[in-house]
Amino acid sequence: MTKRREIHLSEEVVRAIEEHLAELSAGSVEEYVEAVLRERLRREGYLEAYTPEEEREVTRRLRDLGYLD
């Protein structure tokens, strides 16, 4: 499991996310904030496109579909 750290957000931001979780396709404020930050960091080149676990899963799926030997 990935180690977690606590951060603080303004009540206004948290409330806005909570009120629109369904529209934002997120299960929680934490899930949404992490997804948004992860995408931004990937786009800016500060975070790799895939974690090692995600890379293994993509490889497995492509192998299962017959795209890889």
Protein backbone atom coordinates (compact mmCIF):
# COMPACT_ATOMS: atom_id res chain seq x y z
CA MET A 1 0.00 0.00 0.00
CA THR A 2 1.15 3.51 -0.76
CA LYS A 3 2.19 5.58 2.23
CA ARG A 4 -0.15 8.54 2.86
CA ARG A 5 0.37 12.04 4.24
CA GLU A 6 -2.15 14.51 5.56
CA ILE A 7 -2.80 17.80 3.76
CA HIS A 8 -5.19 20.64 4.54
CA LEU A 9 -7.63 22.21 2.09
CA SER A 10 -9.91 25.16 2.49
CA GLU A 11 -13.46 24.37 3.58
CA GLU A 12 -14.73 26.08 0.41
CA VAL A 13 -12.80 23.72 -1.88
CA VAL A 14 -13.75 20.60 0.07
CA ARG A 15 -17.42 21.58 0.13
CA ALA A 16 -17.46 22.23 -3.63
CA ILE A 17 -15.95 18.81 -4.32
CA GLU A 18 -18.31 17.07 -1.89
CA GLU A 19 -21.34 18.68 -3.50
CA HIS A 20 -20.30 17.47 -6.96
CA LEU A 21 -18.68 14.07 -6.34
CA ALA A 22 -21.06 12.25 -8.68
CA GLU A 23 -20.49 14.74 -11.49
CA LEU A 24 -16.73 14.58 -10.91
CA SER A 25 -16.83 10.75 -11.11
CA ALA A 26 -15.15 10.38 -7.74
CA GLY A 27 -15.97 8.37 -4.65
CA SER A 28 -14.43 10.81 -2.20
CA VAL A 29 -12.73 14.17 -1.90
CA GLU A 30 -9.39 12.41 -1.40
CA GLU A 31 -9.88 10.28 -4.53
CA TYR A 32 -10.71 13.33 -6.64
CA VAL A 33 -7.88 15.51 -5.37
CA GLU A 34 -5.31 12.75 -5.85
CA ALA A 35 -6.54 12.02 -9.40
CA VAL A 36 -6.40 15.69 -10.39
CA LEU A 37 -2.95 16.21 -8.89
CA ARG A 38 -1.59 12.98 -10.38
CA GLU A 39 -2.81 13.94 -13.86
CA ARG A 40 -1.31 17.44 -13.61
CA LEU A 41 2.04 16.10 -12.36
CA ARG A 42 2.14 13.54 -15.19
CA ARG A 43 1.29 16.18 -17.78
CA GLU A 44 4.06 18.47 -16.47
CA GLY A 45 6.56 15.59 -16.48
CA TYR A 46 7.06 15.50 -12.71
CA LEU A 47 5.52 12.06 -12.30
CA GLU A 48 5.95 8.99 -14.46
CA ALA A 49 3.05 8.05 -16.70
CA TYR A 50 2.47 4.79 -14.84
CA THR A 51 3.43 3.41 -11.47
CA PRO A 52 5.28 0.08 -11.60
CA GLU A 53 2.05 -1.67 -10.56
CA GLU A 54 0.08 0.05 -13.34
CA GLU A 55 2.82 -0.83 -15.85
CA ARG A 56 2.60 -4.53 -14.88
CA GLU A 57 -1.19 -4.44 -15.19
CA VAL A 58 -1.06 -2.85 -18.66
CA THR A 59 1.52 -5.41 -19.77
CA ARG A 60 -0.60 -8.27 -18.41
CA ARG A 61 -3.71 -6.99 -20.17
CA LEU A 62 -1.90 -6.55 -23.49
CA ARG A 63 -0.45 -10.07 -23.16
CA ASP A 64 -3.91 -11.49 -22.37
CA LEU A 65 -5.26 -9.78 -25.49
CA GLY A 66 -2.49 -11.31 -27.59
CA TYR A 67 -0.63 -8.08 -28.36
CA LEU A 68 2.52 -9.20 -26.52
CA ASP A 69 4.31 -12.55 -26.40
